[in-house]
Protein backbone atom coordinates (compact mmCIF):
# COMPACT_ATOMS: atom_id res chain seq x y z
CA MET A 1 -36.89 119.55 -129.55
CA LYS A 2 -38.53 116.51 -128.03
CA LEU A 3 -36.86 113.55 -127.47
CA THR A 4 -39.39 110.66 -127.30
CA THR A 5 -39.29 108.02 -125.04
CA LYS A 6 -37.99 105.48 -127.51
CA GLY A 7 -34.70 107.05 -127.74
CA ARG A 8 -34.63 107.95 -123.93
CA TYR A 9 -35.47 104.18 -123.16
CA ALA A 10 -32.96 102.70 -125.40
CA VAL A 11 -30.06 104.97 -124.05
CA SER A 12 -31.24 104.12 -120.42
CA ALA A 13 -31.27 100.34 -121.19
CA LEU A 14 -27.96 100.26 -122.88
CA ALA A 15 -26.27 102.07 -120.21
CA ASP A 16 -27.94 99.55 -117.64
CA ILE A 17 -26.50 96.74 -119.73
CA ALA A 18 -23.18 98.73 -119.75
CA ALA A 19 -23.26 99.19 -116.12
CA THR A 20 -23.97 95.51 -115.12
CA GLY A 21 -23.05 93.15 -117.83
CA ALA A 22 -19.71 92.68 -117.14
CA ASP A 23 -19.92 89.03 -116.20
CA GLY A 24 -22.33 88.16 -119.44
CA PRO A 25 -25.86 88.76 -120.75
CA VAL A 26 -28.22 90.31 -119.06
CA ALA A 27 -31.90 89.60 -118.67
CA LEU A 28 -34.28 92.26 -120.43
CA SER A 29 -36.59 91.44 -117.25
CA ASP A 30 -33.79 92.59 -115.05
CA VAL A 31 -33.20 95.90 -117.17
CA ALA A 32 -37.19 96.38 -117.41
CA LEU A 33 -37.24 96.11 -113.36
CA ARG A 34 -34.23 98.24 -112.66
CA GLN A 35 -35.15 101.14 -115.34
CA GLY A 36 -38.68 101.13 -114.73
CA ILE A 37 -39.49 100.30 -118.61
CA SER A 38 -42.51 97.87 -119.58
CA LEU A 39 -40.74 94.42 -120.98
CA SER A 40 -42.92 94.43 -124.14
CA TYR A 41 -41.44 97.89 -124.98
CA LEU A 42 -37.90 97.00 -124.40
CA GLU A 43 -38.38 93.69 -126.50
CA GLN A 44 -39.29 95.75 -129.29
CA LEU A 45 -36.27 98.43 -129.01
CA PHE A 46 -33.95 95.64 -128.59
CA ALA A 47 -34.93 93.88 -131.86
CA LYS A 48 -33.89 97.13 -133.46
CA LEU A 49 -30.85 97.70 -131.53
CA ARG A 50 -29.53 94.14 -132.32
CA ARG A 51 -30.07 94.58 -136.04
CA ALA A 52 -28.25 97.64 -135.97
CA GLY A 53 -25.48 95.86 -134.47
CA LEU A 54 -25.00 97.50 -131.18
CA VAL A 55 -25.98 94.44 -128.98
CA GLU A 56 -26.17 90.47 -129.36
CA SER A 57 -28.10 88.28 -127.62
CA ALA A 58 -27.92 84.55 -126.07
CA ARG A 59 -30.55 82.33 -125.71
CA GLY A 60 -31.17 80.09 -122.74
CA VAL A 61 -30.32 79.90 -119.00
CA GLY A 62 -28.20 82.91 -118.35
CA GLY A 63 -29.40 84.37 -121.36
CA GLY A 64 -30.10 87.92 -122.64
CA TYR A 65 -28.32 90.85 -123.94
CA ALA A 66 -24.94 92.22 -124.11
CA LEU A 67 -23.08 95.14 -125.97
CA THR A 68 -21.19 94.25 -129.05
CA ALA A 69 -18.56 96.75 -128.66
CA PRO A 70 -17.02 98.67 -125.02
CA ALA A 71 -19.01 101.23 -123.58
CA GLY A 72 -16.36 103.95 -124.75
CA ALA A 73 -16.96 102.96 -128.18
CA VAL A 74 -20.91 103.19 -128.22
CA ARG A 75 -22.44 106.75 -129.15
CA VAL A 76 -25.29 107.88 -127.86
CA ALA A 77 -26.16 109.12 -131.54
CA ASP A 78 -25.82 105.51 -132.76
CA ILE A 79 -28.40 104.13 -130.03
CA VAL A 80 -31.10 106.99 -131.12
CA ALA A 81 -30.32 106.25 -134.60
CA ALA A 82 -30.76 102.59 -134.37
CA VAL A 83 -34.48 103.15 -132.65
CA ASP A 84 -35.67 105.27 -135.64
CA GLU A 85 -35.58 108.39 -133.35
CA GLU A 86 -35.53 111.55 -135.43
CA ILE A 87 -34.58 114.60 -133.54
CA ARG A 88 -36.21 117.48 -135.61
CA THR A 89 -35.70 121.15 -134.77
CA THR A 90 -37.49 122.53 -137.74
CA ALA A 91 -40.76 122.33 -139.04
CA CYS A 92 -39.87 121.72 -142.80
CA ASP A 93 -38.18 118.57 -144.15
CA ALA A 94 -34.29 118.98 -145.26
CA GLY A 95 -34.08 119.67 -148.85
CA SER A 96 -37.92 120.05 -149.51
CA THR A 97 -39.06 122.89 -151.56
CA ILE A 98 -41.86 123.54 -148.89
CA GLY A 99 -40.52 125.56 -146.23
CA CYS A 100 -41.45 125.67 -142.65
CA GLN A 101 -44.52 127.81 -143.12
CA GLY A 102 -45.89 125.49 -145.82
CA THR A 103 -44.65 127.72 -148.67
CA SER A 104 -41.88 128.39 -150.89
CA THR A 105 -39.84 130.38 -148.19
CA ARG A 106 -38.58 129.04 -144.87
CA CYS A 107 -39.15 131.25 -141.46
CA LEU A 108 -36.82 133.51 -140.38
CA THR A 109 -35.52 131.68 -137.66
CA HIS A 110 -34.86 128.68 -139.81
CA ASP A 111 -31.07 128.71 -139.65
CA LEU A 112 -31.45 129.05 -135.86
CA TRP A 113 -33.41 125.76 -135.44
CA ASP A 114 -31.50 123.99 -138.26
CA GLU A 115 -28.13 124.77 -136.49
CA LEU A 116 -29.29 123.70 -133.26
CA GLY A 117 -30.18 120.37 -134.59
CA ARG A 118 -26.59 119.87 -135.77
CA GLN A 119 -25.43 120.87 -132.19
CA ILE A 120 -27.59 118.50 -130.99
CA GLU A 121 -26.29 115.53 -133.27
CA ILE A 122 -22.50 116.92 -132.59
CA PHE A 123 -23.19 116.37 -128.67
CA LEU A 124 -24.81 113.14 -129.08
CA ASN A 125 -22.09 111.82 -131.21
CA ALA A 126 -19.65 112.97 -128.41
CA VAL A 127 -21.19 111.33 -125.59
CA THR A 128 -20.69 107.74 -125.19
CA LEU A 129 -22.05 104.94 -122.58
CA GLU A 130 -18.71 105.14 -120.74
CA ASP A 131 -19.37 108.95 -120.52
CA ILE A 132 -22.56 108.54 -118.90
CA LEU A 133 -21.42 105.77 -116.35
CA GLU A 134 -18.44 107.70 -115.06
CA LYS A 135 -20.80 110.85 -114.93
CA ARG A 136 -18.77 113.01 -117.66
CA VAL A 137 -21.60 114.28 -119.41
CA LEU A 138 -22.27 117.26 -117.17
CA GLY A 139 -20.60 120.23 -118.52
CA MET A 140 -19.76 118.83 -121.65
CA ALA A 141 -21.81 121.21 -123.62
CA SER A 142 -19.79 124.12 -122.25
CA VAL A 143 -16.94 123.34 -124.32
CA ASN A 144 -18.67 125.06 -127.25
CA ALA A 145 -19.84 127.92 -125.05
CA PRO A 146 -19.89 131.32 -126.42
CA PRO A 147 -17.56 133.63 -124.33
CA ALA A 148 -19.10 135.73 -121.75
CA ARG A 149 -20.54 139.08 -123.24
CA ALA A 150 -19.45 142.60 -121.52
CA ASP A 151 -22.75 143.37 -120.97
CA GLY A 152 -23.79 140.24 -119.55
CA PRO A 153 -26.60 137.88 -120.19
CA ALA A 154 -30.00 139.34 -121.47
CA GLU A 155 -32.60 139.15 -118.66
CA GLY A 156 -34.48 135.82 -118.74
CA SER A 157 -31.70 134.21 -121.02
CA LYS A 158 -31.96 131.12 -118.85
CA MET A 159 -33.05 128.37 -121.54
CA HIS A 160 -34.63 124.72 -120.35
CA ILE A 161 -35.26 122.03 -122.95
CA GLU A 162 -37.35 119.59 -121.77
CA ALA A 163 -37.59 115.91 -123.19
CA ALA A 164 -41.51 114.51 -124.23
CA GLU A 165 -42.69 111.85 -121.90
């Protein structure tokens, strides 16, 4: 699974606005500076975020962008979806007659990766900007953690998922 910079930057920028925008709209140039994101790239992302209704813009002196809802009502999944980010965990298209291997059959592990995609979606739908700001994200995934096995975890069972640059 790879989450590209498009989704990561959109979430970071909206978290920045949620953290700093209590007194009014936040200039994208300030967000770009604080988050280390290109201003022109942010402008492209914010056009999509505005069309999705997640932010509103104000022109002129003191203008910028503000959230249209409280941080506790803005889900990470909505931000990722607004910038057309697709998190795919399988190689085949949903509902396609062509399977993961380019034939009519799915790979043996298809259901595993398909379910992982659903779990990611559930998790991103459960996390809000407020959760990020209040540092409540760490440990949220353990809510659905499987019970400990009597024989212990398998050797080398630690998993690391890395986001794409």
